[in-house]
Amino acid sequence: MKKPKKPSGKIDFKPKIFRARANDWLGVAGIMLVGALIGLVLSFFLPPKYEATARLTTNLEVVTGTNVTEIMVDAQVDIVGTLVFHPDVVERVRQSLADEGMTYITTDLIRKTKIERQLMSTIIKVRDTDAEVAALIATTWAEEAYGRLTEAYPHALALSQAKATQAMLTGCIKDATKQALPFCQSLTEEKTEQLLSETKSIILQESPLSLGLTGELNVSQYQAALIPDRPIAFQRSILILAGALAGLVLALILGELLSKESERE
């Protein structure tokens, strides 16, 4: 006597799209058309946004043979990206744009702008519904950041030199191997105290003025932004296409749900 076969656990699933009739395809096309129309309507309420890009180029002098790591180099270059949003820079950008007849508050300017790193360059990206305005803001931001950091660089040089002198003086006092050096031999106790006091004063004075730059790190130039020729977001054709694709997905889902309901009945 044959044993009854166990029912198979497999379910034969055939998507509705492979069993669709001509009328079904007309329905799909209709839903896609509705989705495309919704995308078209949205394009009138969501104006396209353009993105303009300006660039700050950084020079970083790395002394070979030292314990400088890649992480330390990245940390130094990242300082430039942070200083792009320094209050002094933002205020200069806002004032410069006001002179051009464009009034912005600080939060609006910062909201429009983002910073990226590409090797030794800092990329300033600005988005706006007007391509020319986006390019003007990005260029102004790069120009003002370059100007402010250039002003800070002499203070960074003075700070680096003062710290180097302080380290040499401390070595003359505490490191017996350095006390035989000509520089250390030429120092008297009074002269050492005087130089330490002077370098400490310079460090305290120049630290806030250097904005975190060092003698090895400076911004060498900036590159103005070009006027973008096509939007990066909310482009009308993209919204229409996205609406049509959303309609297609919705039509396929509805087709599967309706076919399941009919099968249950």
C-alpha atoms as a PDB file:
ATOM      1  CA  MET A   1       0.000   0.000   0.000  1.00  0.00           C
ATOM      2  CA  LYS A   2       1.429   3.391  -1.028  1.00  0.00           C
ATOM      3  CA  LYS A   3       1.968   5.992   1.609  1.00  0.00           C
ATOM      4  CA  PRO A   4       0.169   9.274   0.995  1.00  0.00           C
ATOM      5  CA  LYS A   5       2.512  12.007  -0.169  1.00  0.00           C
ATOM      6  CA  LYS A   6       3.106  14.894   2.132  1.00  0.00           C
ATOM      7  CA  PRO A   7       1.909  18.234   0.797  1.00  0.00           C
ATOM      8  CA  SER A   8       4.759  20.306  -0.594  1.00  0.00           C
ATOM      9  CA  GLY A   9       5.773  23.362   1.460  1.00  0.00           C
ATOM     10  CA  LYS A  10       6.618  25.297  -1.682  1.00  0.00           C
ATOM     11  CA  ILE A  11       4.233  27.957  -2.918  1.00  0.00           C
ATOM     12  CA  ASP A  12       4.127  28.756  -6.597  1.00  0.00           C
ATOM     13  CA  PHE A  13       4.111  32.524  -6.730  1.00  0.00           C
ATOM     14  CA  LYS A  14       3.576  34.217 -10.032  1.00  0.00           C
ATOM     15  CA  PRO A  15       3.532  38.006  -9.869  1.00  0.00           C
ATOM     16  CA  LYS A  16       0.448  39.661 -11.265  1.00  0.00           C
ATOM     17  CA  ILE A  17       2.605  41.494 -13.800  1.00  0.00           C
ATOM     18  CA  PHE A  18       3.267  38.192 -15.635  1.00  0.00           C
ATOM     19  CA  ARG A  19      -0.461  37.449 -15.753  1.00  0.00           C
ATOM     20  CA  ALA A  20      -1.645  40.929 -16.616  1.00  0.00           C
ATOM     21  CA  ARG A  21      -4.088  41.565 -19.410  1.00  0.00           C
ATOM     22  CA  ALA A  22      -4.336  44.558 -21.703  1.00  0.00           C
ATOM     23  CA  ASN A  23      -6.839  46.291 -19.423  1.00  0.00           C
ATOM     24  CA  ASP A  24      -4.489  45.800 -16.475  1.00  0.00           C
ATOM     25  CA  TRP A  25      -1.697  47.558 -18.341  1.00  0.00           C
ATOM     26  CA  LEU A  26      -4.004  50.441 -19.085  1.00  0.00           C
ATOM     27  CA  GLY A  27      -4.617  50.759 -15.359  1.00  0.00           C
ATOM     28  CA  VAL A  28      -0.879  50.731 -14.671  1.00  0.00           C
ATOM     29  CA  ALA A  29      -0.335  53.419 -17.289  1.00  0.00           C
ATOM     30  CA  GLY A  30      -3.136  55.494 -15.770  1.00  0.00           C
ATOM     31  CA  ILE A  31      -1.639  55.334 -12.256  1.00  0.00           C
ATOM     32  CA  MET A  32       1.795  56.199 -13.649  1.00  0.00           C
ATOM     33  CA  LEU A  33       0.275  59.186 -15.431  1.00  0.00           C
ATOM     34  CA  VAL A  34      -1.330  60.355 -12.191  1.00  0.00           C
ATOM     35  CA  GLY A  35       2.029  60.010 -10.421  1.00  0.00           C
ATOM     36  CA  ALA A  36       3.749  62.004 -13.155  1.00  0.00           C
ATOM     37  CA  LEU A  37       1.117  64.748 -12.857  1.00  0.00           C
ATOM     38  CA  ILE A  38       1.663  64.872  -9.093  1.00  0.00           C
ATOM     39  CA  GLY A  39       5.395  65.262  -9.721  1.00  0.00           C
ATOM     40  CA  LEU A  40       4.656  68.074 -12.177  1.00  0.00           C
ATOM     41  CA  VAL A  41       2.459  69.872  -9.655  1.00  0.00           C
ATOM     42  CA  LEU A  42       5.121  69.490  -6.952  1.00  0.00           C
ATOM     43  CA  SER A  43       7.706  71.046  -9.271  1.00  0.00           C
ATOM     44  CA  PHE A  44       5.749  74.318  -9.152  1.00  0.00           C
ATOM     45  CA  PHE A  45       5.906  74.381  -5.340  1.00  0.00           C
ATOM     46  CA  LEU A  46       9.482  73.054  -5.037  1.00  0.00           C
ATOM     47  CA  PRO A  47      11.718  75.347  -7.093  1.00  0.00           C
ATOM     48  CA  PRO A  48      14.944  73.699  -8.313  1.00  0.00           C
ATOM     49  CA  LYS A  49      18.052  74.146  -6.185  1.00  0.00           C
ATOM     50  CA  TYR A  50      21.496  74.856  -7.605  1.00  0.00           C
ATOM     51  CA  GLU A  51      24.790  74.055  -5.921  1.00  0.00           C
ATOM     52  CA  ALA A  52      27.885  76.205  -6.439  1.00  0.00           C
ATOM     53  CA  THR A  53      31.338  75.110  -5.281  1.00  0.00           C
ATOM     54  CA  ALA A  54      34.308  77.239  -4.226  1.00  0.00           C
ATOM     55  CA  ARG A  55      37.657  75.937  -3.027  1.00  0.00           C
ATOM     56  CA  LEU A  56      40.311  76.837  -0.453  1.00  0.00           C
ATOM     57  CA  THR A  57      43.744  75.298  -1.039  1.00  0.00           C
ATOM     58  CA  THR A  58      45.846  74.504   2.016  1.00  0.00           C
ATOM     59  CA  ASN A  59      49.607  74.210   2.342  1.00  0.00           C
ATOM     60  CA  LEU A  60      50.961  72.060   5.141  1.00  0.00           C
ATOM     61  CA  GLU A  61      54.665  71.707   5.725  1.00  0.00           C
ATOM     62  CA  VAL A  62      55.497  68.322   7.212  1.00  0.00           C
ATOM     63  CA  VAL A  63      58.994  67.853   8.593  1.00  0.00           C
ATOM     64  CA  THR A  64      60.277  64.403   7.655  1.00  0.00           C
ATOM     65  CA  GLY A  65      61.912  62.207  10.232  1.00  0.00           C
ATOM     66  CA  THR A  66      59.511  63.237  12.994  1.00  0.00           C
ATOM     67  CA  ASN A  67      56.627  61.384  14.603  1.00  0.00           C
ATOM     68  CA  VAL A  68      53.999  63.191  12.509  1.00  0.00           C
ATOM     69  CA  THR A  69      51.175  60.800  11.580  1.00  0.00           C
ATOM     70  CA  GLU A  70      48.492  60.960   8.917  1.00  0.00           C
ATOM     71  CA  ILE A  71      45.896  61.556  11.624  1.00  0.00           C
ATOM     72  CA  MET A  72      47.825  64.599  12.829  1.00  0.00           C
ATOM     73  CA  VAL A  73      48.007  65.974   9.280  1.00  0.00           C
ATOM     74  CA  ASP A  74      44.255  65.447   8.785  1.00  0.00           C
ATOM     75  CA  ALA A  75      43.525  67.169  12.093  1.00  0.00           C
ATOM     76  CA  GLN A  76      45.539  70.196  10.992  1.00  0.00           C
ATOM     77  CA  VAL A  77      43.815  70.476   7.608  1.00  0.00           C
ATOM     78  CA  ASP A  78      40.395  69.984   9.234  1.00  0.00           C
ATOM     79  CA  ILE A  79      41.029  73.184  11.186  1.00  0.00           C
ATOM     80  CA  VAL A  80      40.543  75.148   7.953  1.00  0.00           C
ATOM     81  CA  GLY A  81      37.077  73.642   7.439  1.00  0.00           C
ATOM     82  CA  THR A  82      36.161  74.568  10.994  1.00  0.00           C
ATOM     83  CA  LEU A  83      37.404  78.134  10.562  1.00  0.00           C
ATOM     84  CA  VAL A  84      35.211  78.631   7.487  1.00  0.00           C
ATOM     85  CA  PHE A  85      32.344  78.978   9.984  1.00  0.00           C
ATOM     86  CA  HIS A  86      34.310  81.192  12.382  1.00  0.00           C
ATOM     87  CA  PRO A  87      32.099  84.101  13.541  1.00  0.00           C
ATOM     88  CA  ASP A  88      34.505  86.613  11.986  1.00  0.00           C
ATOM     89  CA  VAL A  89      34.272  84.914   8.589  1.00  0.00           C
ATOM     90  CA  VAL A  90      30.488  84.505   8.703  1.00  0.00           C
ATOM     91  CA  GLU A  91      30.013  88.162   9.651  1.00  0.00           C
ATOM     92  CA  ARG A  92      32.284  89.305   6.834  1.00  0.00           C
ATOM     93  CA  VAL A  93      30.340  87.176   4.352  1.00  0.00           C
ATOM     94  CA  ARG A  94      27.031  88.561   5.612  1.00  0.00           C
ATOM     95  CA  GLN A  95      28.284  92.143   5.404  1.00  0.00           C
ATOM     96  CA  SER A  96      29.773  91.676   1.942  1.00  0.00           C
ATOM     97  CA  LEU A  97      26.492  90.246   0.645  1.00  0.00           C
ATOM     98  CA  ALA A  98      24.593  93.111   2.274  1.00  0.00           C
ATOM     99  CA  ASP A  99      26.766  95.514   0.274  1.00  0.00           C
ATOM    100  CA  GLU A 100      25.553  93.671  -2.843  1.00  0.00           C
ATOM    101  CA  GLY A 101      21.951  94.205  -1.792  1.00  0.00           C
ATOM    102  CA  MET A 102      21.345  90.706  -0.396  1.00  0.00           C
ATOM    103  CA  THR A 103      20.377  90.601   3.270  1.00  0.00           C
ATOM    104  CA  TYR A 104      20.797  87.334   5.161  1.00  0.00           C
ATOM    105  CA  ILE A 105      20.835  86.385   8.797  1.00  0.00           C
ATOM    106  CA  THR A 106      23.679  84.223  10.063  1.00  0.00           C
ATOM    107  CA  THR A 107      21.606  81.057  10.490  1.00  0.00           C
ATOM    108  CA  ASP A 108      20.303  81.268   6.909  1.00  0.00           C
ATOM    109  CA  LEU A 109      23.829  81.557   5.508  1.00  0.00           C
ATOM    110  CA  ILE A 110      25.081  78.611   7.539  1.00  0.00           C
ATOM    111  CA  ARG A 111      22.041  76.528   6.535  1.00  0.00           C
ATOM    112  CA  LYS A 112      22.816  77.107   2.855  1.00  0.00           C
ATOM    113  CA  THR A 113      26.450  76.082   3.200  1.00  0.00           C
ATOM    114  CA  LYS A 114      28.328  72.864   3.854  1.00  0.00           C
ATOM    115  CA  ILE A 115      32.020  71.969   3.902  1.00  0.00           C
ATOM    116  CA  GLU A 116      33.833  68.964   2.459  1.00  0.00           C
ATOM    117  CA  ARG A 117      37.472  67.852   2.363  1.00  0.00           C
ATOM    118  CA  GLN A 118      39.317  66.747  -0.764  1.00  0.00           C
ATOM    119  CA  LEU A 119      42.926  65.959   0.111  1.00  0.00           C
ATOM    120  CA  MET A 120      44.499  69.352   0.956  1.00  0.00           C
ATOM    121  CA  SER A 121      41.535  71.408  -0.248  1.00  0.00           C
ATOM    122  CA  THR A 122      38.473  72.609   1.616  1.00  0.00           C
ATOM    123  CA  ILE A 123      35.350  72.649  -0.567  1.00  0.00           C
ATOM    124  CA  ILE A 124      32.662  75.240   0.173  1.00  0.00           C
ATOM    125  CA  LYS A 125      29.274  74.217  -1.259  1.00  0.00           C
ATOM    126  CA  VAL A 126      26.316  76.594  -1.298  1.00  0.00           C
ATOM    127  CA  ARG A 127      22.761  75.732  -2.412  1.00  0.00           C
ATOM    128  CA  ASP A 128      20.175  78.253  -3.563  1.00  0.00           C
ATOM    129  CA  THR A 129      17.202  78.434  -5.912  1.00  0.00           C
ATOM    130  CA  ASP A 130      19.129  81.015  -7.964  1.00  0.00           C
ATOM    131  CA  ALA A 131      22.279  79.701  -9.668  1.00  0.00           C
ATOM    132  CA  GLU A 132      24.001  83.107  -9.741  1.00  0.00           C
ATOM    133  CA  VAL A 133      23.240  83.771  -6.077  1.00  0.00           C
ATOM    134  CA  ALA A 134      24.636  80.360  -5.090  1.00  0.00           C
ATOM    135  CA  ALA A 135      27.862  81.095  -6.992  1.00  0.00           C
ATOM    136  CA  LEU A 136      28.157  84.576  -5.482  1.00  0.00           C
ATOM    137  CA  ILE A 137      27.707  83.326  -1.908  1.00  0.00           C
ATOM    138  CA  ALA A 138      30.214  80.483  -2.377  1.00  0.00           C
ATOM    139  CA  THR A 139      32.795  82.823  -3.938  1.00  0.00           C
ATOM    140  CA  THR A 140      32.276  85.467  -1.251  1.00  0.00           C
ATOM    141  CA  TRP A 141      32.627  82.837   1.455  1.00  0.00           C
ATOM    142  CA  ALA A 142      35.894  81.526   0.004  1.00  0.00           C
ATOM    143  CA  GLU A 143      37.243  85.049  -0.476  1.00  0.00           C
ATOM    144  CA  GLU A 144      36.408  86.203   3.052  1.00  0.00           C
ATOM    145  CA  ALA A 145      37.697  82.977   4.623  1.00  0.00           C
ATOM    146  CA  TYR A 146      40.951  83.326   2.692  1.00  0.00           C
ATOM    147  CA  GLY A 147      41.306  86.952   3.777  1.00  0.00           C
ATOM    148  CA  ARG A 148      40.628  86.241   7.460  1.00  0.00           C
ATOM    149  CA  LEU A 149      42.964  83.239   7.595  1.00  0.00           C
ATOM    150  CA  THR A 150      45.671  85.204   5.800  1.00  0.00           C
ATOM    151  CA  GLU A 151      45.392  87.849   8.526  1.00  0.00           C
ATOM    152  CA  ALA A 152      45.715  85.154  11.187  1.00  0.00           C
ATOM    153  CA  TYR A 153      48.794  83.506   9.659  1.00  0.00           C
ATOM    154  CA  PRO A 154      51.436  86.045  10.886  1.00  0.00           C
ATOM    155  CA  HIS A 155      50.094  85.510  14.402  1.00  0.00           C
ATOM    156  CA  ALA A 156      50.383  81.754  13.881  1.00  0.00           C
ATOM    157  CA  LEU A 157      54.023  82.219  12.833  1.00  0.00           C
ATOM    158  CA  ALA A 158      54.773  84.326  15.915  1.00  0.00           C
ATOM    159  CA  LEU A 159      53.042  81.743  18.115  1.00  0.00           C
ATOM    160  CA  SER A 160      54.967  78.838  16.587  1.00  0.00           C
ATOM    161  CA  GLN A 161      58.279  80.641  16.994  1.00  0.00           C
ATOM    162  CA  ALA A 162      57.486  81.530  20.610  1.00  0.00           C
ATOM    163  CA  LYS A 163      56.584  77.921  21.405  1.00  0.00           C
ATOM    164  CA  ALA A 164      59.782  76.694  19.745  1.00  0.00           C
ATOM    165  CA  THR A 165      61.854  79.161  21.777  1.00  0.00           C
ATOM    166  CA  GLN A 166      60.044  78.154  24.954  1.00  0.00           C
ATOM    167  CA  ALA A 167      60.782  74.475  24.230  1.00  0.00           C
ATOM    168  CA  MET A 168      64.481  75.267  23.664  1.00  0.00           C
ATOM    169  CA  LEU A 169      64.723  77.245  26.906  1.00  0.00           C
ATOM    170  CA  THR A 170      62.986  74.490  28.846  1.00  0.00           C
ATOM    171  CA  GLY A 171      65.409  71.984  27.340  1.00  0.00           C
ATOM    172  CA  CYS A 172      68.367  74.104  28.427  1.00  0.00           C
ATOM    173  CA  ILE A 173      67.064  74.071  31.999  1.00  0.00           C
ATOM    174  CA  LYS A 174      65.876  70.470  32.354  1.00  0.00           C
ATOM    175  CA  ASP A 175      67.759  68.409  29.743  1.00  0.00           C
ATOM    176  CA  ALA A 176      71.402  67.808  30.693  1.00  0.00           C
ATOM    177  CA  THR A 177      72.271  66.637  27.170  1.00  0.00           C
ATOM    178  CA  LYS A 178      71.227  70.014  25.717  1.00  0.00           C
ATOM    179  CA  GLN A 179      72.996  72.181  28.272  1.00  0.00           C
ATOM    180  CA  ALA A 180      76.271  71.767  26.368  1.00  0.00           C
ATOM    181  CA  LEU A 181      74.796  73.309  23.207  1.00  0.00           C
ATOM    182  CA  PRO A 182      76.132  76.776  22.224  1.00  0.00           C
ATOM    183  CA  PHE A 183      72.675  78.331  22.578  1.00  0.00           C
ATOM    184  CA  CYS A 184      72.293  77.062  26.127  1.00  0.00           C
ATOM    185  CA  GLN A 185      75.867  77.982  27.026  1.00  0.00           C
ATOM    186  CA  SER A 186      75.242  81.576  25.946  1.00  0.00           C
ATOM    187  CA  LEU A 187      72.337  81.995  28.367  1.00  0.00           C
ATOM    188  CA  THR A 188      72.579  83.382  31.856  1.00  0.00           C
ATOM    189  CA  GLU A 189      69.979  82.684  34.500  1.00  0.00           C
ATOM    190  CA  GLU A 190      68.595  86.209  34.207  1.00  0.00           C
ATOM    191  CA  LYS A 191      68.496  86.023  30.399  1.00  0.00           C
ATOM    192  CA  THR A 192      66.698  82.679  30.545  1.00  0.00           C
ATOM    193  CA  GLU A 193      64.035  84.030  32.883  1.00  0.00           C
ATOM    194  CA  GLN A 194      63.586  87.091  30.704  1.00  0.00           C
ATOM    195  CA  LEU A 195      63.178  85.041  27.529  1.00  0.00           C
ATOM    196  CA  LEU A 196      60.761  82.657  29.229  1.00  0.00           C
ATOM    197  CA  SER A 197      58.659  85.592  30.386  1.00  0.00           C
ATOM    198  CA  GLU A 198      58.675  87.144  26.914  1.00  0.00           C
ATOM    199  CA  THR A 199      57.741  83.920  25.139  1.00  0.00           C
ATOM    200  CA  LYS A 200      54.950  83.254  27.635  1.00  0.00           C
ATOM    201  CA  SER A 201      53.557  86.734  26.990  1.00  0.00           C
ATOM    202  CA  ILE A 202      53.740  86.214  23.217  1.00  0.00           C
ATOM    203  CA  ILE A 203      51.990  82.851  23.462  1.00  0.00           C
ATOM    204  CA  LEU A 204      49.154  84.294  25.545  1.00  0.00           C
ATOM    205  CA  GLN A 205      48.783  87.229  23.163  1.00  0.00           C
ATOM    206  CA  GLU A 206      49.040  85.393  19.847  1.00  0.00           C
ATOM    207  CA  SER A 207      47.068  82.226  20.660  1.00  0.00           C
ATOM    208  CA  PRO A 208      43.576  83.705  20.161  1.00  0.00           C
ATOM    209  CA  LEU A 209      44.734  85.745  17.154  1.00  0.00           C
ATOM    210  CA  SER A 210      46.156  82.715  15.323  1.00  0.00           C
ATOM    211  CA  LEU A 211      42.704  81.037  15.132  1.00  0.00           C
ATOM    212  CA  GLY A 212      44.346  77.650  15.634  1.00  0.00           C
ATOM    213  CA  LEU A 213      46.650  77.892  12.606  1.00  0.00           C
ATOM    214  CA  THR A 214      50.323  76.997  12.930  1.00  0.00           C
ATOM    215  CA  GLY A 215      53.458  78.095  11.164  1.00  0.00           C
ATOM    216  CA  GLU A 216      53.296  74.927   9.060  1.00  0.00           C
ATOM    217  CA  LEU A 217      49.639  75.370   8.063  1.00  0.00           C
ATOM    218  CA  ASN A 218      48.356  78.177   5.849  1.00  0.00           C
ATOM    219  CA  VAL A 219      45.780  78.770   3.132  1.00  0.00           C
ATOM    220  CA  SER A 220      47.630  79.523  -0.087  1.00  0.00           C
ATOM    221  CA  GLN A 221      44.776  80.504  -2.428  1.00  0.00           C
ATOM    222  CA  TYR A 222      41.068  80.297  -3.149  1.00  0.00           C
ATOM    223  CA  GLN A 223      39.145  79.364  -6.270  1.00  0.00           C
ATOM    224  CA  ALA A 224      35.931  81.199  -7.144  1.00  0.00           C
ATOM    225  CA  ALA A 225      32.748  79.231  -7.814  1.00  0.00           C
ATOM    226  CA  LEU A 226      31.353  78.801 -11.304  1.00  0.00           C
ATOM    227  CA  ILE A 227      27.659  79.412 -11.968  1.00  0.00           C
ATOM    228  CA  PRO A 228      26.020  75.932 -12.047  1.00  0.00           C
ATOM    229  CA  ASP A 229      24.214  75.178 -15.287  1.00  0.00           C
ATOM    230  CA  ARG A 230      21.786  72.584 -13.952  1.00  0.00           C
ATOM    231  CA  PRO A 231      19.965  72.104 -10.648  1.00  0.00           C
ATOM    232  CA  ILE A 232      21.107  69.494  -8.171  1.00  0.00           C
ATOM    233  CA  ALA A 233      17.695  68.989  -6.535  1.00  0.00           C
ATOM    234  CA  PHE A 234      13.980  69.382  -7.383  1.00  0.00           C
ATOM    235  CA  GLN A 235      14.574  69.399 -11.126  1.00  0.00           C
ATOM    236  CA  ARG A 236      11.185  69.297 -12.895  1.00  0.00           C
ATOM    237  CA  SER A 237      11.997  66.376 -15.169  1.00  0.00           C
ATOM    238  CA  ILE A 238      13.350  64.368 -12.223  1.00  0.00           C
ATOM    239  CA  LEU A 239      10.224  65.035 -10.142  1.00  0.00           C
ATOM    240  CA  ILE A 240       7.982  63.935 -13.036  1.00  0.00           C
ATOM    241  CA  LEU A 241      10.040  60.774 -13.552  1.00  0.00           C
ATOM    242  CA  ALA A 242      10.028  60.035  -9.815  1.00  0.00           C
ATOM    243  CA  GLY A 243       6.242  60.469  -9.740  1.00  0.00           C
ATOM    244  CA  ALA A 244       5.816  58.087 -12.670  1.00  0.00           C
ATOM    245  CA  LEU A 245       8.059  55.471 -11.038  1.00  0.00           C
ATOM    246  CA  ALA A 246       6.181  55.828  -7.754  1.00  0.00           C
ATOM    247  CA  GLY A 247       2.950  55.300  -9.696  1.00  0.00           C
ATOM    248  CA  LEU A 248       4.381  52.145 -11.282  1.00  0.00           C
ATOM    249  CA  VAL A 249       5.354  50.730  -7.889  1.00  0.00           C
ATOM    250  CA  LEU A 250       1.935  51.589  -6.469  1.00  0.00           C
ATOM    251  CA  ALA A 251       0.185  49.955  -9.439  1.00  0.00           C
ATOM    252  CA  LEU A 252       2.180  46.727  -9.022  1.00  0.00           C
ATOM    253  CA  ILE A 253       1.429  46.594  -5.291  1.00  0.00           C
ATOM    254  CA  LEU A 254      -2.278  47.238  -5.846  1.00  0.00           C
ATOM    255  CA  GLY A 255      -2.349  44.575  -8.547  1.00  0.00           C
ATOM    256  CA  GLU A 256      -0.894  41.970  -6.201  1.00  0.00           C
ATOM    257  CA  LEU A 257      -3.276  42.910  -3.372  1.00  0.00           C
ATOM    258  CA  LEU A 258      -6.330  42.814  -5.602  1.00  0.00           C
ATOM    259  CA  SER A 259      -5.333  39.457  -7.105  1.00  0.00           C
ATOM    260  CA  LYS A 260      -4.918  37.982  -3.613  1.00  0.00           C
ATOM    261  CA  GLU A 261      -8.355  39.237  -2.625  1.00  0.00           C
ATOM    262  CA  SER A 262      -9.935  37.664  -5.707  1.00  0.00           C
ATOM    263  CA  GLU A 263      -8.182  34.352  -5.014  1.00  0.00           C
ATOM    264  CA  ARG A 264      -9.553  34.290  -1.445  1.00  0.00           C
ATOM    265  CA  GLU A 265     -13.058  34.859  -2.727  1.00  0.00           C
END
